[in-house]
Amino acid sequence: MNNIVATEGRQGTKKMISKLKKKTEGILIKLPKSKQDLRLDLPTIGFNTLKDCKKFGLKGIVLKSMHNIFLDKYKCISFANKNKIFIKVL
């Protein structure tokens, strides 16, 4: 299936993910919006995002290289490896 099941609104990633059905088996794609000012506002993920991905059955996260903030990077990578969640940087 190649469907978009949710898009992030003003309330953020956590709210978007929480609206998913359990075992969605999708992928979180976290890229800057077309008019987003990257000098002030970069897409951000961290440990809580990874925990939410696991909770709702997402298989992985895709990020754009040099266009995001990755909080607790090594803790997130360890958690992702233990829970078979991939992290892909484009």
C-alpha atoms as a PDB file:
ATOM      1  CA  MET A   1       0.000   0.000   0.000  1.00  0.00           C
ATOM      2  CA  ASN A   2       1.315   3.460  -0.871  1.00  0.00           C
ATOM      3  CA  ASN A   3      -1.108   5.650   1.024  1.00  0.00           C
ATOM      4  CA  ILE A   4      -0.632   8.687   3.210  1.00  0.00           C
ATOM      5  CA  VAL A   5      -2.473   7.860   6.430  1.00  0.00           C
ATOM      6  CA  ALA A   6      -1.822  11.129   8.285  1.00  0.00           C
ATOM      7  CA  THR A   7      -0.229  14.520   7.794  1.00  0.00           C
ATOM      8  CA  GLU A   8       1.177  16.689  10.534  1.00  0.00           C
ATOM      9  CA  GLY A   9      -0.788  19.773  11.465  1.00  0.00           C
ATOM     10  CA  ARG A  10      -0.021  22.630  13.783  1.00  0.00           C
ATOM     11  CA  GLN A  11      -0.354  20.380  16.817  1.00  0.00           C
ATOM     12  CA  GLY A  12       2.795  18.466  15.885  1.00  0.00           C
ATOM     13  CA  THR A  13       4.111  14.968  15.332  1.00  0.00           C
ATOM     14  CA  LYS A  14       2.985  13.484  18.655  1.00  0.00           C
ATOM     15  CA  LYS A  15      -0.649  14.449  18.046  1.00  0.00           C
ATOM     16  CA  MET A  16      -0.508  13.121  14.477  1.00  0.00           C
ATOM     17  CA  ILE A  17       0.961   9.781  15.545  1.00  0.00           C
ATOM     18  CA  SER A  18      -1.546   9.440  18.399  1.00  0.00           C
ATOM     19  CA  LYS A  19      -4.392   9.516  15.867  1.00  0.00           C
ATOM     20  CA  LEU A  20      -3.068   6.426  14.066  1.00  0.00           C
ATOM     21  CA  LYS A  21      -4.515   2.974  14.571  1.00  0.00           C
ATOM     22  CA  LYS A  22      -2.300   0.536  16.466  1.00  0.00           C
ATOM     23  CA  LYS A  23      -0.100  -1.601  14.204  1.00  0.00           C
ATOM     24  CA  THR A  24      -0.264   0.906  11.360  1.00  0.00           C
ATOM     25  CA  GLU A  25       3.009  -0.488   9.946  1.00  0.00           C
ATOM     26  CA  GLY A  26       3.695   2.792   8.204  1.00  0.00           C
ATOM     27  CA  ILE A  27       6.723   5.046   8.001  1.00  0.00           C
ATOM     28  CA  LEU A  28       7.136   8.485   9.560  1.00  0.00           C
ATOM     29  CA  ILE A  29       8.583  10.862   6.979  1.00  0.00           C
ATOM     30  CA  LYS A  30       9.864  13.959   8.778  1.00  0.00           C
ATOM     31  CA  LEU A  31      10.903  16.533   6.169  1.00  0.00           C
ATOM     32  CA  PRO A  32      10.815  20.338   6.208  1.00  0.00           C
ATOM     33  CA  LYS A  33       7.688  21.941   4.781  1.00  0.00           C
ATOM     34  CA  SER A  34       8.188  23.802   1.496  1.00  0.00           C
ATOM     35  CA  LYS A  35       7.942  27.282   3.070  1.00  0.00           C
ATOM     36  CA  GLN A  36       9.566  26.408   6.403  1.00  0.00           C
ATOM     37  CA  ASP A  37      12.335  28.797   7.465  1.00  0.00           C
ATOM     38  CA  LEU A  38      15.170  26.404   8.259  1.00  0.00           C
ATOM     39  CA  ARG A  39      17.172  29.161   9.941  1.00  0.00           C
ATOM     40  CA  LEU A  40      14.617  29.201  12.771  1.00  0.00           C
ATOM     41  CA  ASP A  41      12.499  26.064  12.608  1.00  0.00           C
ATOM     42  CA  LEU A  42      13.952  22.652  11.835  1.00  0.00           C
ATOM     43  CA  PRO A  43      11.944  19.407  12.007  1.00  0.00           C
ATOM     44  CA  THR A  44      12.847  17.698  15.277  1.00  0.00           C
ATOM     45  CA  ILE A  45      12.645  14.118  16.513  1.00  0.00           C
ATOM     46  CA  GLY A  46      13.815  12.506  19.711  1.00  0.00           C
ATOM     47  CA  PHE A  47      13.336   9.568  22.021  1.00  0.00           C
ATOM     48  CA  ASN A  48       9.631  10.252  22.596  1.00  0.00           C
ATOM     49  CA  THR A  49       9.045  10.182  18.836  1.00  0.00           C
ATOM     50  CA  LEU A  50      10.702   6.756  18.642  1.00  0.00           C
ATOM     51  CA  LYS A  51       8.611   5.462  21.551  1.00  0.00           C
ATOM     52  CA  ASP A  52       5.456   6.692  19.811  1.00  0.00           C
ATOM     53  CA  CYS A  53       6.535   4.980  16.583  1.00  0.00           C
ATOM     54  CA  LYS A  54       6.920   1.699  18.462  1.00  0.00           C
ATOM     55  CA  LYS A  55       3.592   2.141  20.263  1.00  0.00           C
ATOM     56  CA  PHE A  56       1.684   2.606  17.010  1.00  0.00           C
ATOM     57  CA  GLY A  57       3.624   0.034  14.986  1.00  0.00           C
ATOM     58  CA  LEU A  58       5.525   2.326  12.627  1.00  0.00           C
ATOM     59  CA  LYS A  59       8.377   0.532  10.901  1.00  0.00           C
ATOM     60  CA  GLY A  60      10.742   3.460  10.482  1.00  0.00           C
ATOM     61  CA  ILE A  61      11.565   7.125  10.175  1.00  0.00           C
ATOM     62  CA  VAL A  62      12.914   9.019   7.170  1.00  0.00           C
ATOM     63  CA  LEU A  63      14.785  12.303   7.703  1.00  0.00           C
ATOM     64  CA  LYS A  64      16.488  14.798   5.399  1.00  0.00           C
ATOM     65  CA  SER A  65      20.205  15.136   6.014  1.00  0.00           C
ATOM     66  CA  MET A  66      21.271  18.433   7.589  1.00  0.00           C
ATOM     67  CA  HIS A  67      17.620  19.576   7.764  1.00  0.00           C
ATOM     68  CA  ASN A  68      16.521  18.246  11.148  1.00  0.00           C
ATOM     69  CA  ILE A  69      17.342  18.197  14.816  1.00  0.00           C
ATOM     70  CA  PHE A  70      17.858  14.705  16.216  1.00  0.00           C
ATOM     71  CA  LEU A  71      17.654  14.813  20.037  1.00  0.00           C
ATOM     72  CA  ASP A  72      19.305  12.027  22.078  1.00  0.00           C
ATOM     73  CA  LYS A  73      20.670  10.588  18.837  1.00  0.00           C
ATOM     74  CA  TYR A  74      22.574   7.623  20.283  1.00  0.00           C
ATOM     75  CA  LYS A  75      19.787   6.710  22.708  1.00  0.00           C
ATOM     76  CA  CYS A  76      17.310   6.822  19.797  1.00  0.00           C
ATOM     77  CA  ILE A  77      19.505   4.680  17.557  1.00  0.00           C
ATOM     78  CA  SER A  78      19.932   2.088  20.313  1.00  0.00           C
ATOM     79  CA  PHE A  79      16.155   2.030  20.942  1.00  0.00           C
ATOM     80  CA  ALA A  80      15.451   1.771  17.203  1.00  0.00           C
ATOM     81  CA  ASN A  81      17.882  -1.144  16.811  1.00  0.00           C
ATOM     82  CA  LYS A  82      16.397  -3.026  19.759  1.00  0.00           C
ATOM     83  CA  ASN A  83      12.863  -2.520  18.426  1.00  0.00           C
ATOM     84  CA  LYS A  84      13.608  -3.124  14.718  1.00  0.00           C
ATOM     85  CA  ILE A  85      12.676   0.422  13.695  1.00  0.00           C
ATOM     86  CA  PHE A  86      14.782   1.776  10.842  1.00  0.00           C
ATOM     87  CA  ILE A  87      16.087   5.331  10.587  1.00  0.00           C
ATOM     88  CA  LYS A  88      16.905   6.462   7.046  1.00  0.00           C
ATOM     89  CA  VAL A  89      18.594   9.781   6.297  1.00  0.00           C
ATOM     90  CA  LEU A  90      18.302  11.084   2.738  1.00  0.00           C
END
